[in-house]
Every structure is written in C-alpha cells, then in structure tokens.
Amino acid sequence: QVQLVESGGGLVQAGGSLRLSCAPSVSIFGINAMGWYRQAPGKQRELVAAITSGGKTNYADSVKGRFTISRDNANNTVYLQMNSLKPEDTAVYYCNVDRGRVRGYWGQGTQVTVSS
C-alpha cells in the first residue's frame, strides 16, 4: 500500500526556514510530477511548487524566490526548501504525486506555522 510520508513541518519565526520532505513508502512508477500544495484555514488548496520527472519546476507567484523544490530520483523523495518564511505561508502542506492518467497520491498533510 502506498503512503506518502511527510516530515519537516513545524513552527518557525518569520524570516526563518523549514525543509519539507515527502517520501513514498514504496516505489511508485509512472510519476509525471511531484509537488506541494497548501491549504490555510478558510482558503482553497493551492499549488505551491511542482517538479516534473524531467526536472522542470514551477512555483506559485507568492513563493517564487523563496521556496525551492527538488527531488531525489533514486527514491522519489521530494523536498521543499522554504526560506524567508512569512506568516501568510502558514498552512497545512500536502505532498502530491501525479501519475497522469493513473490515479495519484496525496500525503496526509503537515502543519507549517510562521509566527511574526
């Protein structure tokens, strides 16, 4: 059974950094992209960053220049390095695996709280 194990969330002061990790419990084949979404209270879930199997990245405008997504191709682990964190970054962050026409996977979510 596939599970996406997330780690790295927590509480940090504004201007600080966190690094999120997402590691599948078993090997996943046919991955088109992996990414991170977030959802703050009262808001819709939004794409934060994604990286394709070929290494192409894209970011939400609100995090460009501050966040960096990367992956370890050997084990399909995806990372989100978050620098210069702002209170508005506070949300539950969800790892996502896109497999195109095949159903993908979602992590359980990890809380990121940025205090001012």
C-alpha atoms as a PDB file:
ATOM      1  CA  GLN A   1       0.000   0.000   0.000  1.00  0.00           C
ATOM      2  CA  VAL A   2       1.377   3.395  -0.988  1.00  0.00           C
ATOM      3  CA  GLN A   3       1.734   6.104   1.597  1.00  0.00           C
ATOM      4  CA  LEU A   4       3.415   9.468   1.259  1.00  0.00           C
ATOM      5  CA  VAL A   5       5.331  10.129   4.443  1.00  0.00           C
ATOM      6  CA  GLU A   6       5.731  13.834   5.096  1.00  0.00           C
ATOM      7  CA  SER A   7       8.083  15.448   7.560  1.00  0.00           C
ATOM      8  CA  GLY A   8       9.700  18.763   8.340  1.00  0.00           C
ATOM      9  CA  GLY A   9       6.753  20.887   9.320  1.00  0.00           C
ATOM     10  CA  GLY A  10       6.697  22.925  12.459  1.00  0.00           C
ATOM     11  CA  LEU A  11       6.660  26.380  13.929  1.00  0.00           C
ATOM     12  CA  VAL A  12       9.159  28.988  12.840  1.00  0.00           C
ATOM     13  CA  GLN A  13       9.533  32.727  13.173  1.00  0.00           C
ATOM     14  CA  ALA A  14       9.089  34.997  10.199  1.00  0.00           C
ATOM     15  CA  GLY A  15      12.263  35.073   8.158  1.00  0.00           C
ATOM     16  CA  GLY A  16      13.204  31.568   9.154  1.00  0.00           C
ATOM     17  CA  SER A  17      13.440  28.398   7.120  1.00  0.00           C
ATOM     18  CA  LEU A  18      11.962  24.937   7.015  1.00  0.00           C
ATOM     19  CA  ARG A  19      12.569  21.960   4.774  1.00  0.00           C
ATOM     20  CA  LEU A  20       9.708  19.625   3.997  1.00  0.00           C
ATOM     21  CA  SER A  21      10.262  16.077   2.833  1.00  0.00           C
ATOM     22  CA  CYS A  22       7.891  13.619   1.214  1.00  0.00           C
ATOM     23  CA  ALA A  23       8.903  10.014   0.770  1.00  0.00           C
ATOM     24  CA  PRO A  24       6.728   7.275  -0.708  1.00  0.00           C
ATOM     25  CA  SER A  25       6.525   4.200   1.465  1.00  0.00           C
ATOM     26  CA  VAL A  26       7.030   2.002  -1.589  1.00  0.00           C
ATOM     27  CA  SER A  27       8.351   2.562  -5.075  1.00  0.00           C
ATOM     28  CA  ILE A  28       5.989   4.398  -7.384  1.00  0.00           C
ATOM     29  CA  PHE A  29       6.229   4.030 -11.140  1.00  0.00           C
ATOM     30  CA  GLY A  30       4.940   6.318 -13.822  1.00  0.00           C
ATOM     31  CA  ILE A  31       5.369   9.576 -11.942  1.00  0.00           C
ATOM     32  CA  ASN A  32       4.776  12.635 -14.103  1.00  0.00           C
ATOM     33  CA  ALA A  33       5.375  15.147 -11.370  1.00  0.00           C
ATOM     34  CA  MET A  34       5.586  15.607  -7.649  1.00  0.00           C
ATOM     35  CA  GLY A  35       4.647  18.690  -5.782  1.00  0.00           C
ATOM     36  CA  TRP A  36       3.409  20.511  -2.767  1.00  0.00           C
ATOM     37  CA  TYR A  37       0.055  22.080  -2.145  1.00  0.00           C
ATOM     38  CA  ARG A  38      -1.060  24.048   0.860  1.00  0.00           C
ATOM     39  CA  GLN A  39      -4.329  24.974   2.439  1.00  0.00           C
ATOM     40  CA  ALA A  40      -4.814  27.695   5.001  1.00  0.00           C
ATOM     41  CA  PRO A  41      -7.936  27.960   7.146  1.00  0.00           C
ATOM     42  CA  GLY A  42     -10.815  29.348   5.131  1.00  0.00           C
ATOM     43  CA  LYS A  43      -8.906  29.151   1.869  1.00  0.00           C
ATOM     44  CA  GLN A  44      -8.786  26.764  -1.057  1.00  0.00           C
ATOM     45  CA  ARG A  45      -5.962  24.346  -1.525  1.00  0.00           C
ATOM     46  CA  GLU A  46      -3.375  25.846  -3.835  1.00  0.00           C
ATOM     47  CA  LEU A  47      -0.322  24.638  -5.688  1.00  0.00           C
ATOM     48  CA  VAL A  48       2.888  25.810  -4.072  1.00  0.00           C
ATOM     49  CA  ALA A  49       5.527  24.111  -6.184  1.00  0.00           C
ATOM     50  CA  ALA A  50       5.890  21.164  -8.517  1.00  0.00           C
ATOM     51  CA  ILE A  51       8.671  19.332 -10.269  1.00  0.00           C
ATOM     52  CA  THR A  52       8.255  17.069 -13.277  1.00  0.00           C
ATOM     53  CA  SER A  53      10.036  13.816 -13.914  1.00  0.00           C
ATOM     54  CA  GLY A  54      12.297  15.765 -16.261  1.00  0.00           C
ATOM     55  CA  GLY A  55      13.229  18.305 -13.618  1.00  0.00           C
ATOM     56  CA  LYS A  56      11.077  21.204 -14.736  1.00  0.00           C
ATOM     57  CA  THR A  57       9.835  23.271 -11.822  1.00  0.00           C
ATOM     58  CA  ASN A  58       7.050  25.729 -11.330  1.00  0.00           C
ATOM     59  CA  TYR A  59       6.046  27.823  -8.364  1.00  0.00           C
ATOM     60  CA  ALA A  60       3.211  29.888  -7.097  1.00  0.00           C
ATOM     61  CA  ASP A  61       3.970  33.560  -7.571  1.00  0.00           C
ATOM     62  CA  SER A  62       3.761  34.090  -3.841  1.00  0.00           C
ATOM     63  CA  VAL A  63       6.719  31.808  -3.147  1.00  0.00           C
ATOM     64  CA  LYS A  64       8.989  32.438  -6.120  1.00  0.00           C
ATOM     65  CA  GLY A  65      12.472  33.322  -4.997  1.00  0.00           C
ATOM     66  CA  ARG A  66      11.868  31.973  -1.510  1.00  0.00           C
ATOM     67  CA  PHE A  67      10.968  28.311  -1.976  1.00  0.00           C
ATOM     68  CA  THR A  68      12.872  25.647  -3.867  1.00  0.00           C
ATOM     69  CA  ILE A  69      11.516  22.252  -4.820  1.00  0.00           C
ATOM     70  CA  SER A  70      13.838  19.361  -5.516  1.00  0.00           C
ATOM     71  CA  ARG A  71      13.728  15.610  -5.682  1.00  0.00           C
ATOM     72  CA  ASP A  72      15.828  12.539  -5.195  1.00  0.00           C
ATOM     73  CA  ASN A  73      15.210  10.415  -8.265  1.00  0.00           C
ATOM     74  CA  ALA A  74      16.571   7.302  -6.606  1.00  0.00           C
ATOM     75  CA  ASN A  75      13.739   7.053  -4.109  1.00  0.00           C
ATOM     76  CA  ASN A  76      11.211   9.575  -5.448  1.00  0.00           C
ATOM     77  CA  THR A  77      11.585  11.752  -2.390  1.00  0.00           C
ATOM     78  CA  VAL A  78      10.579  15.345  -2.956  1.00  0.00           C
ATOM     79  CA  TYR A  79      11.719  18.288  -0.874  1.00  0.00           C
ATOM     80  CA  LEU A  80      10.543  21.812  -0.388  1.00  0.00           C
ATOM     81  CA  GLN A  81      13.111  24.213   0.974  1.00  0.00           C
ATOM     82  CA  MET A  82      11.267  27.192   2.374  1.00  0.00           C
ATOM     83  CA  ASN A  83      13.284  30.304   3.138  1.00  0.00           C
ATOM     84  CA  SER A  84      12.293  33.780   4.240  1.00  0.00           C
ATOM     85  CA  LEU A  85       9.062  32.423   5.597  1.00  0.00           C
ATOM     86  CA  LYS A  86       6.169  34.777   6.135  1.00  0.00           C
ATOM     87  CA  PRO A  87       3.104  34.477   8.363  1.00  0.00           C
ATOM     88  CA  GLU A  88       0.976  34.116   5.237  1.00  0.00           C
ATOM     89  CA  ASP A  89       2.832  30.887   4.491  1.00  0.00           C
ATOM     90  CA  THR A  90       1.072  29.331   7.457  1.00  0.00           C
ATOM     91  CA  ALA A  91      -0.943  26.388   6.192  1.00  0.00           C
ATOM     92  CA  VAL A  92      -1.177  22.646   6.040  1.00  0.00           C
ATOM     93  CA  TYR A  93       1.165  21.465   3.322  1.00  0.00           C
ATOM     94  CA  TYR A  94       0.277  18.394   1.291  1.00  0.00           C
ATOM     95  CA  CYS A  95       2.592  16.315  -0.821  1.00  0.00           C
ATOM     96  CA  ASN A  96       1.218  15.169  -4.159  1.00  0.00           C
ATOM     97  CA  VAL A  97       2.277  12.596  -6.719  1.00  0.00           C
ATOM     98  CA  ASP A  98       0.821  12.989 -10.197  1.00  0.00           C
ATOM     99  CA  ARG A  99       0.798   9.942 -12.425  1.00  0.00           C
ATOM    100  CA  GLY A 100      -1.061  11.364 -15.368  1.00  0.00           C
ATOM    101  CA  ARG A 101      -3.933   9.131 -16.393  1.00  0.00           C
ATOM    102  CA  VAL A 102      -3.299   6.872 -13.422  1.00  0.00           C
ATOM    103  CA  ARG A 103      -4.625   7.915 -10.050  1.00  0.00           C
ATOM    104  CA  GLY A 104      -2.038   9.700  -7.985  1.00  0.00           C
ATOM    105  CA  TYR A 105      -1.439  10.056  -4.294  1.00  0.00           C
ATOM    106  CA  TRP A 106      -1.708  12.616  -1.536  1.00  0.00           C
ATOM    107  CA  GLY A 107       0.143  12.932   1.712  1.00  0.00           C
ATOM    108  CA  GLN A 108      -1.670  13.381   4.990  1.00  0.00           C
ATOM    109  CA  GLY A 109      -0.526  16.973   5.376  1.00  0.00           C
ATOM    110  CA  THR A 110       1.985  18.631   7.642  1.00  0.00           C
ATOM    111  CA  GLN A 111       1.404  21.845   9.535  1.00  0.00           C
ATOM    112  CA  VAL A 112       3.642  24.830   8.889  1.00  0.00           C
ATOM    113  CA  THR A 113       3.145  27.764  11.208  1.00  0.00           C
ATOM    114  CA  VAL A 114       5.052  31.013  10.797  1.00  0.00           C
ATOM    115  CA  SER A 115       4.867  33.453  13.657  1.00  0.00           C
ATOM    116  CA  SER A 116       5.528  37.165  13.496  1.00  0.00           C
END
